[in-house]
Amino acid sequence: MADPSFFEKVFEVVRLIPPGRVTSYGAIAAYLGSVGAARMVGWAMNGSHHCSEYVPAHRVVNRNGTLTGKHHFGGSSVMKQLLESEGIEVIDDQIVDFSKHFWDPAKELRY
């Protein structure tokens, strides 16, 4: 069997983010050995809603904890609502106490 595509690898990592935690596009890219490919991770998240297996894309934000992908959730407040349902406070599209909720795949996973 061939190696999974980059997007599939991204989806695998995102599925491992625990509820109540978030990571960044860049942290995923770095974990996968593609430093500088944060934008590609964003593209993967934009298309993740079409995956047959659920991808919790709402748990991926930019490096500052801003909900930059919120418009890809079928409404501008859906991403915020999903995060808040997991106990993450969001004010003005910004995660409150981002460092407390940040999940770094390089520290949490072994590739």
N, C-alpha and C. Protein backbone atom coordinates (compact mmCIF):
# COMPACT_ATOMS: atom_id res chain seq x y z
N MET A 1 0.84 -1.18 0.00
CA MET A 1 0.00 0.00 0.00
C MET A 1 0.89 1.24 0.00
N ALA A 2 0.50 2.26 -0.74
CA ALA A 2 1.26 3.50 -0.84
C ALA A 2 1.15 4.31 0.44
N ASP A 3 2.15 5.18 0.67
CA ASP A 3 2.10 6.08 1.83
C ASP A 3 0.90 7.00 1.70
N PRO A 4 0.29 7.35 2.82
CA PRO A 4 -0.85 8.27 2.77
C PRO A 4 -0.40 9.64 2.24
N SER A 5 -1.31 10.34 1.63
CA SER A 5 -0.99 11.68 1.15
C SER A 5 -0.77 12.62 2.32
N PHE A 6 -0.22 13.80 2.05
CA PHE A 6 0.01 14.79 3.10
C PHE A 6 -1.30 15.12 3.81
N PHE A 7 -2.36 15.34 3.05
CA PHE A 7 -3.64 15.68 3.66
C PHE A 7 -4.11 14.55 4.59
N GLU A 8 -3.96 13.31 4.17
CA GLU A 8 -4.38 12.19 5.01
C GLU A 8 -3.56 12.13 6.30
N LYS A 9 -2.27 12.45 6.21
CA LYS A 9 -1.43 12.49 7.41
C LYS A 9 -1.90 13.60 8.35
N VAL A 10 -2.27 14.75 7.77
CA VAL A 10 -2.80 15.86 8.57
C VAL A 10 -4.06 15.40 9.28
N PHE A 11 -4.97 14.75 8.56
CA PHE A 11 -6.23 14.29 9.15
C PHE A 11 -5.96 13.32 10.31
N GLU A 12 -4.97 12.44 10.14
CA GLU A 12 -4.63 11.48 11.20
C GLU A 12 -4.20 12.21 12.47
N VAL A 13 -3.37 13.24 12.32
CA VAL A 13 -2.90 14.00 13.48
C VAL A 13 -4.07 14.73 14.13
N VAL A 14 -4.90 15.38 13.33
CA VAL A 14 -6.01 16.16 13.88
C VAL A 14 -6.98 15.26 14.64
N ARG A 15 -7.18 14.06 14.18
CA ARG A 15 -8.07 13.13 14.88
C ARG A 15 -7.54 12.76 16.27
N LEU A 16 -6.26 12.99 16.52
CA LEU A 16 -5.65 12.66 17.81
C LEU A 16 -5.70 13.81 18.82
N ILE A 17 -6.10 15.00 18.38
CA ILE A 17 -6.18 16.14 19.29
C ILE A 17 -7.31 15.87 20.28
N PRO A 18 -7.02 15.87 21.56
CA PRO A 18 -8.07 15.59 22.54
C PRO A 18 -9.11 16.72 22.62
N PRO A 19 -10.33 16.38 22.96
CA PRO A 19 -11.34 17.43 23.20
C PRO A 19 -10.83 18.40 24.26
N GLY A 20 -11.12 19.67 24.06
CA GLY A 20 -10.67 20.69 25.00
C GLY A 20 -9.26 21.18 24.76
N ARG A 21 -8.63 20.72 23.70
CA ARG A 21 -7.27 21.13 23.33
C ARG A 21 -7.29 21.60 21.89
N VAL A 22 -6.32 22.42 21.53
CA VAL A 22 -6.19 22.93 20.16
C VAL A 22 -4.72 22.89 19.76
N THR A 23 -4.49 22.92 18.47
CA THR A 23 -3.14 23.04 17.95
C THR A 23 -3.17 24.02 16.79
N SER A 24 -2.00 24.28 16.22
CA SER A 24 -1.92 25.24 15.12
C SER A 24 -1.56 24.53 13.82
N TYR A 25 -1.85 25.22 12.73
CA TYR A 25 -1.51 24.70 11.41
C TYR A 25 0.00 24.44 11.33
N GLY A 26 0.78 25.38 11.83
CA GLY A 26 2.23 25.26 11.78
C GLY A 26 2.78 24.12 12.63
N ALA A 27 2.16 23.88 13.79
CA ALA A 27 2.61 22.79 14.65
C ALA A 27 2.39 21.44 13.97
N ILE A 28 1.28 21.31 13.26
CA ILE A 28 1.02 20.06 12.53
C ILE A 28 2.02 19.91 11.40
N ALA A 29 2.24 20.98 10.65
CA ALA A 29 3.20 20.93 9.53
C ALA A 29 4.59 20.54 10.04
N ALA A 30 5.03 21.17 11.12
CA ALA A 30 6.35 20.86 11.68
C ALA A 30 6.43 19.41 12.13
N TYR A 31 5.40 18.94 12.79
CA TYR A 31 5.37 17.55 13.26
C TYR A 31 5.52 16.58 12.09
N LEU A 32 4.89 16.92 10.97
CA LEU A 32 4.96 16.05 9.79
C LEU A 32 6.22 16.24 8.97
N GLY A 33 7.16 17.07 9.48
CA GLY A 33 8.42 17.28 8.78
C GLY A 33 8.34 18.25 7.63
N SER A 34 7.31 19.07 7.62
CA SER A 34 7.11 20.03 6.53
C SER A 34 7.01 21.45 7.09
N VAL A 35 8.04 21.87 7.82
CA VAL A 35 8.06 23.23 8.36
C VAL A 35 7.80 24.20 7.21
N GLY A 36 6.95 25.15 7.43
CA GLY A 36 6.62 26.11 6.38
C GLY A 36 5.41 25.73 5.56
N ALA A 37 4.80 24.60 5.87
CA ALA A 37 3.63 24.14 5.12
C ALA A 37 2.32 24.35 5.87
N ALA A 38 2.30 25.35 6.76
CA ALA A 38 1.09 25.63 7.53
C ALA A 38 -0.10 25.90 6.62
N ARG A 39 0.14 26.59 5.53
CA ARG A 39 -0.96 26.90 4.60
C ARG A 39 -1.54 25.62 4.00
N MET A 40 -0.69 24.65 3.71
CA MET A 40 -1.19 23.37 3.19
C MET A 40 -2.05 22.66 4.23
N VAL A 41 -1.66 22.76 5.49
CA VAL A 41 -2.47 22.18 6.57
C VAL A 41 -3.82 22.88 6.59
N GLY A 42 -3.84 24.19 6.39
CA GLY A 42 -5.09 24.93 6.31
C GLY A 42 -5.96 24.46 5.17
N TRP A 43 -5.35 24.20 4.04
CA TRP A 43 -6.11 23.69 2.89
C TRP A 43 -6.71 22.32 3.21
N ALA A 44 -5.92 21.51 3.91
CA ALA A 44 -6.44 20.19 4.32
C ALA A 44 -7.65 20.37 5.23
N MET A 45 -7.56 21.31 6.18
CA MET A 45 -8.68 21.54 7.10
C MET A 45 -9.91 22.04 6.34
N ASN A 46 -9.70 22.87 5.33
CA ASN A 46 -10.82 23.37 4.53
C ASN A 46 -11.57 22.23 3.84
N GLY A 47 -10.85 21.20 3.44
CA GLY A 47 -11.47 20.07 2.76
C GLY A 47 -11.86 18.92 3.67
N SER A 48 -11.55 19.04 4.95
CA SER A 48 -11.78 17.92 5.87
C SER A 48 -13.25 17.62 6.11
N HIS A 49 -14.11 18.56 5.83
CA HIS A 49 -15.55 18.36 6.05
C HIS A 49 -16.14 17.32 5.09
N HIS A 50 -15.36 16.96 4.07
CA HIS A 50 -15.83 15.98 3.09
C HIS A 50 -15.28 14.58 3.35
N CYS A 51 -14.52 14.41 4.41
CA CYS A 51 -13.95 13.10 4.75
C CYS A 51 -15.04 12.17 5.25
N SER A 52 -14.90 10.91 4.95
CA SER A 52 -15.87 9.93 5.44
C SER A 52 -15.71 9.71 6.94
N GLU A 53 -14.49 9.80 7.45
CA GLU A 53 -14.23 9.68 8.89
C GLU A 53 -14.08 11.10 9.46
N TYR A 54 -14.75 11.38 10.56
CA TYR A 54 -14.79 12.71 11.15
C TYR A 54 -13.39 13.25 11.47
N VAL A 55 -13.18 14.51 11.13
CA VAL A 55 -11.94 15.22 11.44
C VAL A 55 -12.34 16.45 12.27
N PRO A 56 -11.91 16.54 13.53
CA PRO A 56 -12.28 17.68 14.37
C PRO A 56 -11.48 18.94 14.02
N ALA A 57 -11.74 19.45 12.83
CA ALA A 57 -10.99 20.60 12.30
C ALA A 57 -11.13 21.85 13.15
N HIS A 58 -12.17 21.92 13.96
CA HIS A 58 -12.35 23.10 14.82
C HIS A 58 -11.24 23.23 15.85
N ARG A 59 -10.48 22.19 16.07
CA ARG A 59 -9.40 22.21 17.05
C ARG A 59 -8.08 22.71 16.46
N VAL A 60 -8.09 23.17 15.21
CA VAL A 60 -6.89 23.69 14.57
C VAL A 60 -7.08 25.18 14.30
N VAL A 61 -6.18 25.97 14.86
CA VAL A 61 -6.27 27.43 14.77
C VAL A 61 -4.92 27.97 14.33
N ASN A 62 -4.83 29.29 14.19
CA ASN A 62 -3.53 29.82 13.78
C ASN A 62 -2.59 29.89 14.98
N ARG A 63 -1.36 30.28 14.74
CA ARG A 63 -0.31 30.26 15.77
C ARG A 63 -0.57 31.17 16.95
N ASN A 64 -1.52 32.10 16.79
CA ASN A 64 -1.86 33.02 17.87
C ASN A 64 -3.15 32.62 18.58
N GLY A 65 -3.76 31.52 18.16
CA GLY A 65 -5.01 31.09 18.77
C GLY A 65 -6.25 31.74 18.18
N THR A 66 -6.11 32.29 16.99
CA THR A 66 -7.23 32.95 16.32
C THR A 66 -7.97 31.95 15.43
N LEU A 67 -9.29 32.05 15.42
CA LEU A 67 -10.12 31.14 14.62
C LEU A 67 -10.15 31.58 13.17
N THR A 68 -9.04 31.42 12.47
CA THR A 68 -8.94 31.89 11.09
C THR A 68 -9.75 31.04 10.12
N GLY A 69 -10.07 29.81 10.47
CA GLY A 69 -10.81 28.94 9.56
C GLY A 69 -12.31 28.91 9.82
N LYS A 70 -12.81 29.83 10.61
CA LYS A 70 -14.21 29.77 11.05
C LYS A 70 -15.22 29.80 9.91
N HIS A 71 -14.88 30.38 8.78
CA HIS A 71 -15.83 30.50 7.68
C HIS A 71 -16.06 29.19 6.93
N HIS A 72 -15.30 28.17 7.26
CA HIS A 72 -15.42 26.88 6.59
C HIS A 72 -16.30 25.90 7.38
N PHE A 73 -17.04 26.41 8.35
CA PHE A 73 -17.86 25.55 9.20
C PHE A 73 -19.36 25.74 9.00
N GLY A 74 -19.75 26.35 7.90
CA GLY A 74 -21.17 26.51 7.62
C GLY A 74 -21.82 27.63 8.39
N GLY A 75 -21.04 28.49 8.96
CA GLY A 75 -21.53 29.64 9.72
C GLY A 75 -20.39 30.22 10.52
N SER A 76 -20.38 31.52 10.70
CA SER A 76 -19.22 32.16 11.32
C SER A 76 -19.09 31.87 12.81
N SER A 77 -20.12 31.30 13.45
CA SER A 77 -20.01 31.03 14.88
C SER A 77 -19.93 29.53 15.21
N VAL A 78 -19.99 28.67 14.22
CA VAL A 78 -20.00 27.22 14.47
C VAL A 78 -18.69 26.76 15.11
N MET A 79 -17.56 27.21 14.59
CA MET A 79 -16.26 26.80 15.13
C MET A 79 -16.16 27.22 16.60
N LYS A 80 -16.56 28.44 16.89
CA LYS A 80 -16.55 28.94 18.27
C LYS A 80 -17.45 28.08 19.15
N GLN A 81 -18.63 27.76 18.68
CA GLN A 81 -19.56 26.95 19.47
C GLN A 81 -18.99 25.56 19.75
N LEU A 82 -18.35 24.97 18.76
CA LEU A 82 -17.74 23.64 18.95
C LEU A 82 -16.64 23.69 20.01
N LEU A 83 -15.81 24.72 19.94
CA LEU A 83 -14.73 24.85 20.93
C LEU A 83 -15.30 25.12 22.32
N GLU A 84 -16.29 25.98 22.40
CA GLU A 84 -16.90 26.28 23.69
C GLU A 84 -17.59 25.07 24.29
N SER A 85 -18.13 24.20 23.43
CA SER A 85 -18.77 22.98 23.94
C SER A 85 -17.74 22.03 24.57
N GLU A 86 -16.45 22.25 24.26
CA GLU A 86 -15.37 21.45 24.82
C GLU A 86 -14.66 22.18 25.97
N GLY A 87 -15.23 23.31 26.39
CA GLY A 87 -14.68 24.03 27.53
C GLY A 87 -13.64 25.07 27.21
N ILE A 88 -13.50 25.45 25.95
CA ILE A 88 -12.53 26.46 25.55
C ILE A 88 -13.26 27.78 25.37
N GLU A 89 -12.82 28.79 26.10
CA GLU A 89 -13.44 30.12 25.99
C GLU A 89 -12.87 30.85 24.78
N VAL A 90 -13.75 31.47 24.01
CA VAL A 90 -13.36 32.22 22.82
C VAL A 90 -14.00 33.60 22.90
N ILE A 91 -13.18 34.63 22.77
CA ILE A 91 -13.68 36.00 22.75
C ILE A 91 -13.12 36.68 21.51
N ASP A 92 -14.01 37.27 20.70
CA ASP A 92 -13.61 37.95 19.47
C ASP A 92 -12.73 37.07 18.58
N ASP A 93 -13.17 35.83 18.40
CA ASP A 93 -12.48 34.85 17.56
C ASP A 93 -11.06 34.52 18.04
N GLN A 94 -10.80 34.73 19.30
CA GLN A 94 -9.49 34.46 19.89
C GLN A 94 -9.67 33.53 21.08
N ILE A 95 -8.87 32.45 21.13
CA ILE A 95 -8.94 31.52 22.26
C ILE A 95 -8.34 32.19 23.49
N VAL A 96 -9.10 32.20 24.57
CA VAL A 96 -8.63 32.75 25.84
C VAL A 96 -7.70 31.74 26.48
N ASP A 97 -6.57 32.21 26.96
CA ASP A 97 -5.56 31.35 27.59
C ASP A 97 -5.10 30.25 26.62
N PHE A 98 -4.73 30.69 25.44
CA PHE A 98 -4.32 29.79 24.36
C PHE A 98 -3.24 28.80 24.79
N SER A 99 -2.23 29.27 25.51
CA SER A 99 -1.13 28.38 25.89
C SER A 99 -1.61 27.23 26.79
N LYS A 100 -2.63 27.47 27.57
CA LYS A 100 -3.18 26.41 28.44
C LYS A 100 -3.83 25.30 27.62
N HIS A 101 -4.44 25.65 26.51
CA HIS A 101 -5.18 24.69 25.68
C HIS A 101 -4.33 24.11 24.54
N PHE A 102 -3.13 24.68 24.32
CA PHE A 102 -2.33 24.29 23.17
C PHE A 102 -1.81 22.86 23.32
N TRP A 103 -2.00 22.09 22.27
CA TRP A 103 -1.56 20.70 22.19
C TRP A 103 -0.52 20.62 21.08
N ASP A 104 0.71 20.31 21.44
CA ASP A 104 1.81 20.25 20.47
C ASP A 104 2.04 18.81 20.07
N PRO A 105 1.73 18.46 18.81
CA PRO A 105 1.91 17.06 18.40
C PRO A 105 3.36 16.58 18.53
N ALA A 106 4.33 17.49 18.40
CA ALA A 106 5.74 17.09 18.52
C ALA A 106 6.06 16.61 19.93
N LYS A 107 5.34 17.13 20.92
CA LYS A 107 5.55 16.73 22.30
C LYS A 107 4.63 15.60 22.72
N GLU A 108 3.45 15.55 22.14
CA GLU A 108 2.42 14.59 22.55
C GLU A 108 2.47 13.26 21.79
N LEU A 109 3.05 13.28 20.59
CA LEU A 109 3.05 12.09 19.73
C LEU A 109 4.47 11.72 19.35
N ARG A 110 4.64 10.50 19.01
CA ARG A 110 5.92 10.05 18.43
C ARG A 110 5.62 9.59 17.02
N TYR A 111 6.29 10.18 16.06
CA TYR A 111 6.01 9.87 14.65
C TYR A 111 6.91 8.78 14.16
